Amino acid sequence: MTFPGTRPDPVVHVVDDDEDLRQSLVFLLESVGIQALTYPDARTFLDEFDPGEPAVVIVDVRMPGVGGFGVQERLAELGYPAPVVFCSAHGDIPMSVRALTAGAVDFLEKPYQPQRMVEVVQAQLVEARRRFAEHAERRTLGARLETLTRREREVLRLVVDGLPSQAIAHRLGTSVKTVDVHRARIKAKTRADSLGTLIRDILTHRVNL
């Protein structure tokens, strides 16, 4: 499974058991140049969508079988960073709070206002590009960190904590020279411009060491 970062035009996945609504929403989005794919139920979507493709997911809350919340939970389990927009003809405040608390970006009531839907989707397409680019950077950084030995990761954790070489050497029971060798290897293996930029990236992307 790969997450390649950004593509020029993220797609919109429309997951709804109402065929008329699916088709009308596709027509609306395509009328403003937005590519949309439709799915009659959650299972079809989860089986067919490309997890490597930047996208926005529009999903109905209540569908036969797996509903919108089930879709949201599964995407979270997969680490798929697409913005999720919920739609429902039977929405209420507790339902919308549950969706937004779990990470949804919006909750629209049916029948939705076409202009409002277009505005939400356009904004989330921008967000999708940002999320997938960040996700790709995080995965790339994680892969580079995987090249480090256990001791190098120990040294790096202490560097991230702000300890100088002398304090790291004392903590690990080794020499300052050995610590400096580890620091140089960490920089080389991760292809970082400097340990400072590596630490910044680790903190920015919240990568576990």
Protein backbone atom coordinates (compact mmCIF):
# COMPACT_ATOMS: atom_id res chain seq x y z
CA MET A 1 0.00 0.00 0.00
CA THR A 2 1.49 3.34 -1.00
CA PHE A 3 0.67 6.96 -0.36
CA PRO A 4 2.53 8.85 -3.08
CA GLY A 5 1.79 12.36 -1.85
CA THR A 6 0.06 14.84 -4.09
CA ARG A 7 -1.55 14.55 -7.51
CA PRO A 8 -2.88 17.48 -9.53
CA ASP A 9 -6.54 16.53 -9.14
CA PRO A 10 -7.70 14.56 -6.10
CA VAL A 11 -10.94 12.71 -6.72
CA VAL A 12 -14.17 12.79 -4.73
CA HIS A 13 -15.62 9.47 -3.55
CA VAL A 14 -19.40 9.61 -3.13
CA VAL A 15 -20.70 6.75 -0.95
CA ASP A 16 -24.51 6.68 -0.75
CA ASP A 17 -27.23 4.08 -1.25
CA ASP A 18 -29.51 6.68 -2.90
CA GLU A 19 -28.77 6.32 -6.62
CA ASP A 20 -30.53 9.54 -7.62
CA LEU A 21 -28.54 11.51 -5.08
CA ARG A 22 -25.27 9.93 -6.20
CA GLN A 23 -25.88 10.80 -9.82
CA SER A 24 -27.07 14.34 -9.11
CA LEU A 25 -24.03 14.98 -6.92
CA VAL A 26 -21.67 13.68 -9.60
CA PHE A 27 -23.37 15.91 -12.17
CA LEU A 28 -23.02 18.90 -9.83
CA LEU A 29 -19.34 18.29 -9.12
CA GLU A 30 -18.41 17.53 -12.70
CA SER A 31 -20.17 20.73 -13.80
CA VAL A 32 -17.43 22.64 -11.93
CA GLY A 33 -14.61 20.39 -13.11
CA ILE A 34 -14.36 18.05 -10.13
CA GLN A 35 -13.87 14.33 -10.80
CA ALA A 36 -16.18 12.11 -8.74
CA LEU A 37 -16.58 8.35 -8.34
CA THR A 38 -19.69 6.75 -6.85
CA TYR A 39 -20.37 3.68 -4.71
CA PRO A 40 -23.79 2.24 -3.74
CA ASP A 41 -22.63 1.04 -0.33
CA ALA A 42 -19.75 1.17 2.09
CA ARG A 43 -18.43 -2.30 1.34
CA THR A 44 -18.10 -1.56 -2.39
CA PHE A 45 -16.21 1.62 -1.61
CA LEU A 46 -13.85 -0.03 0.87
CA ASP A 47 -13.15 -2.83 -1.61
CA GLU A 48 -12.57 -0.60 -4.64
CA PHE A 49 -11.06 2.73 -3.60
CA ASP A 50 -7.38 3.37 -4.22
CA PRO A 51 -5.67 4.13 -0.87
CA GLY A 52 -2.76 5.69 -2.74
CA GLU A 53 -4.94 8.31 -4.40
CA PRO A 54 -5.56 11.70 -2.77
CA ALA A 55 -9.28 12.18 -2.33
CA VAL A 56 -12.23 13.62 -0.46
CA VAL A 57 -14.85 11.15 0.82
CA ILE A 58 -18.53 12.13 0.96
CA VAL A 59 -20.48 9.47 2.81
CA ASP A 60 -24.08 8.99 3.95
CA VAL A 61 -24.46 8.31 7.65
CA ARG A 62 -27.19 5.68 7.38
CA MET A 63 -26.84 2.93 4.79
CA PRO A 64 -27.69 -0.78 4.80
CA GLY A 65 -24.86 -2.77 6.33
CA VAL A 66 -21.87 -0.59 7.13
CA GLY A 67 -22.83 3.05 7.64
CA GLY A 68 -20.88 6.26 7.44
CA PHE A 69 -19.34 5.91 10.88
CA GLY A 70 -18.10 2.44 9.95
CA VAL A 71 -16.44 3.89 6.86
CA GLN A 72 -14.84 6.64 8.91
CA GLU A 73 -13.48 4.14 11.44
CA ARG A 74 -12.07 1.88 8.73
CA LEU A 75 -10.31 4.76 6.97
CA ALA A 76 -8.80 5.81 10.29
CA GLU A 77 -7.56 2.25 10.87
CA LEU A 78 -5.92 2.30 7.44
CA GLY A 79 -4.30 5.66 8.12
CA TYR A 80 -5.97 7.05 5.01
CA PRO A 81 -5.79 10.83 5.40
CA ALA A 82 -8.68 11.85 3.11
CA PRO A 83 -11.05 14.51 4.49
CA VAL A 84 -14.45 12.94 5.24
CA VAL A 85 -17.72 14.85 4.73
CA PHE A 86 -20.89 13.33 6.18
CA CYS A 87 -24.36 13.77 4.68
CA SER A 88 -27.65 12.71 6.25
CA ALA A 89 -31.37 13.29 5.85
CA HIS A 90 -31.82 12.33 9.50
CA GLY A 91 -28.99 14.22 11.14
CA ASP A 92 -29.12 15.62 14.63
CA ILE A 93 -26.70 17.43 16.91
CA PRO A 94 -25.34 14.32 18.71
CA MET A 95 -24.73 12.63 15.35
CA SER A 96 -22.89 15.62 13.91
CA VAL A 97 -20.84 16.01 17.09
CA ARG A 98 -19.86 12.34 16.93
CA ALA A 99 -18.77 12.67 13.30
CA LEU A 100 -16.75 15.84 13.83
CA THR A 101 -15.17 14.57 17.03
CA ALA A 102 -14.00 11.46 15.16
CA GLY A 103 -12.31 13.62 12.53
CA ALA A 104 -14.93 14.46 9.89
CA VAL A 105 -14.44 17.88 8.34
CA ASP A 106 -18.13 18.72 7.83
CA PHE A 107 -21.67 17.43 8.32
CA LEU A 108 -24.27 18.44 5.71
CA GLU A 109 -28.00 17.84 5.93
CA LYS A 110 -29.97 16.47 2.99
CA PRO A 111 -31.24 17.96 0.83
CA TYR A 112 -28.01 19.94 0.69
CA GLN A 113 -27.69 23.32 -0.99
CA PRO A 114 -25.71 22.80 -4.22
CA GLN A 115 -23.56 25.90 -3.77
CA ARG A 116 -22.75 24.95 -0.20
CA MET A 117 -21.75 21.45 -1.30
CA VAL A 118 -19.47 22.82 -4.03
CA GLU A 119 -17.82 25.23 -1.60
CA VAL A 120 -17.21 22.47 0.96
CA VAL A 121 -15.76 20.09 -1.63
CA GLN A 122 -13.51 22.71 -3.19
CA ALA A 123 -12.11 23.63 0.21
CA GLN A 124 -11.53 19.98 1.11
CA LEU A 125 -9.78 19.23 -2.17
CA VAL A 126 -7.18 21.80 -1.10
CA GLU A 127 -7.02 20.12 2.32
CA ALA A 128 -6.64 16.69 0.67
CA ARG A 129 -3.58 17.87 -1.26
CA ARG A 130 -2.03 19.18 1.96
CA ARG A 131 -2.82 16.04 3.96
CA PHE A 132 -1.49 13.62 1.39
CA ALA A 133 1.68 15.63 0.85
CA GLU A 134 2.29 15.65 4.61
CA HIS A 135 1.50 11.94 4.85
CA ALA A 136 3.99 11.14 2.09
CA GLU A 137 6.68 13.20 3.84
CA ARG A 138 5.98 11.39 7.12
CA ARG A 139 6.28 7.99 5.47
CA THR A 140 9.51 8.98 3.73
CA LEU A 141 10.98 10.21 6.99
CA GLY A 142 9.88 7.03 8.75
CA ALA A 143 11.57 4.90 6.10
CA ARG A 144 14.83 6.81 6.53
CA LEU A 145 14.69 6.41 10.29
CA GLU A 146 14.23 2.67 9.85
CA THR A 147 17.80 2.50 8.52
CA LEU A 148 19.19 3.45 11.93
CA THR A 149 20.53 0.90 14.39
CA ARG A 150 19.03 0.56 17.87
CA ARG A 151 21.89 2.56 19.42
CA GLU A 152 21.64 5.28 16.78
CA ARG A 153 17.93 5.63 17.55
CA GLU A 154 18.76 5.89 21.26
CA VAL A 155 21.21 8.67 20.50
CA LEU A 156 18.71 10.42 18.24
CA ARG A 157 15.98 10.29 20.90
CA LEU A 158 18.32 12.03 23.32
CA VAL A 159 19.31 14.59 20.69
CA VAL A 160 15.61 15.32 20.12
CA ASP A 161 15.26 15.75 23.90
CA GLY A 162 17.89 18.50 23.66
CA LEU A 163 20.84 16.75 25.28
CA PRO A 164 24.38 17.68 24.13
CA SER A 165 26.91 14.99 23.22
CA GLN A 166 28.56 15.03 26.63
CA ALA A 167 25.27 14.43 28.44
CA ILE A 168 24.31 11.70 25.96
CA ALA A 169 27.66 9.99 26.46
CA HIS A 170 27.16 10.05 30.24
CA ARG A 171 23.59 8.72 29.90
CA LEU A 172 24.65 5.84 27.62
CA GLY A 173 27.93 5.07 29.36
CA THR A 174 30.08 5.75 26.32
CA SER A 175 32.52 8.40 25.08
CA VAL A 176 31.70 11.77 23.56
CA LYS A 177 33.67 10.74 20.47
CA THR A 178 31.47 7.67 20.03
CA VAL A 179 28.33 9.79 20.38
CA ASP A 180 29.62 12.19 17.75
CA VAL A 181 30.27 9.26 15.40
CA HIS A 182 26.66 8.14 15.92
CA ARG A 183 25.41 11.68 15.24
CA ALA A 184 27.37 11.79 11.97
CA ARG A 185 26.00 8.38 10.92
CA ILE A 186 22.46 9.44 11.75
CA LYS A 187 22.80 12.49 9.55
CA ALA A 188 24.29 10.46 6.69
CA LYS A 189 21.81 7.58 6.85
CA THR A 190 18.76 9.83 6.97
CA ARG A 191 20.18 12.12 4.28
CA ALA A 192 19.38 15.12 6.45
CA ASP A 193 20.87 18.54 5.74
CA SER A 194 21.62 18.75 9.46
CA LEU A 195 20.50 17.17 12.70
CA GLY A 196 18.60 20.38 13.37
CA THR A 197 16.44 19.96 10.27
CA LEU A 198 16.00 16.25 11.05
CA ILE A 199 14.75 17.08 14.55
CA ARG A 200 12.42 19.71 13.13
CA ASP A 201 10.94 17.17 10.72
CA ILE A 202 10.54 14.55 13.45
CA LEU A 203 8.70 17.01 15.68
CA THR A 204 6.62 18.45 12.83
CA HIS A 205 5.42 15.04 11.65
CA ARG A 206 5.21 13.55 15.17
CA VAL A 207 7.22 10.51 14.16
CA ASN A 208 7.91 8.00 16.93
CA LEU A 209 11.52 6.93 17.39
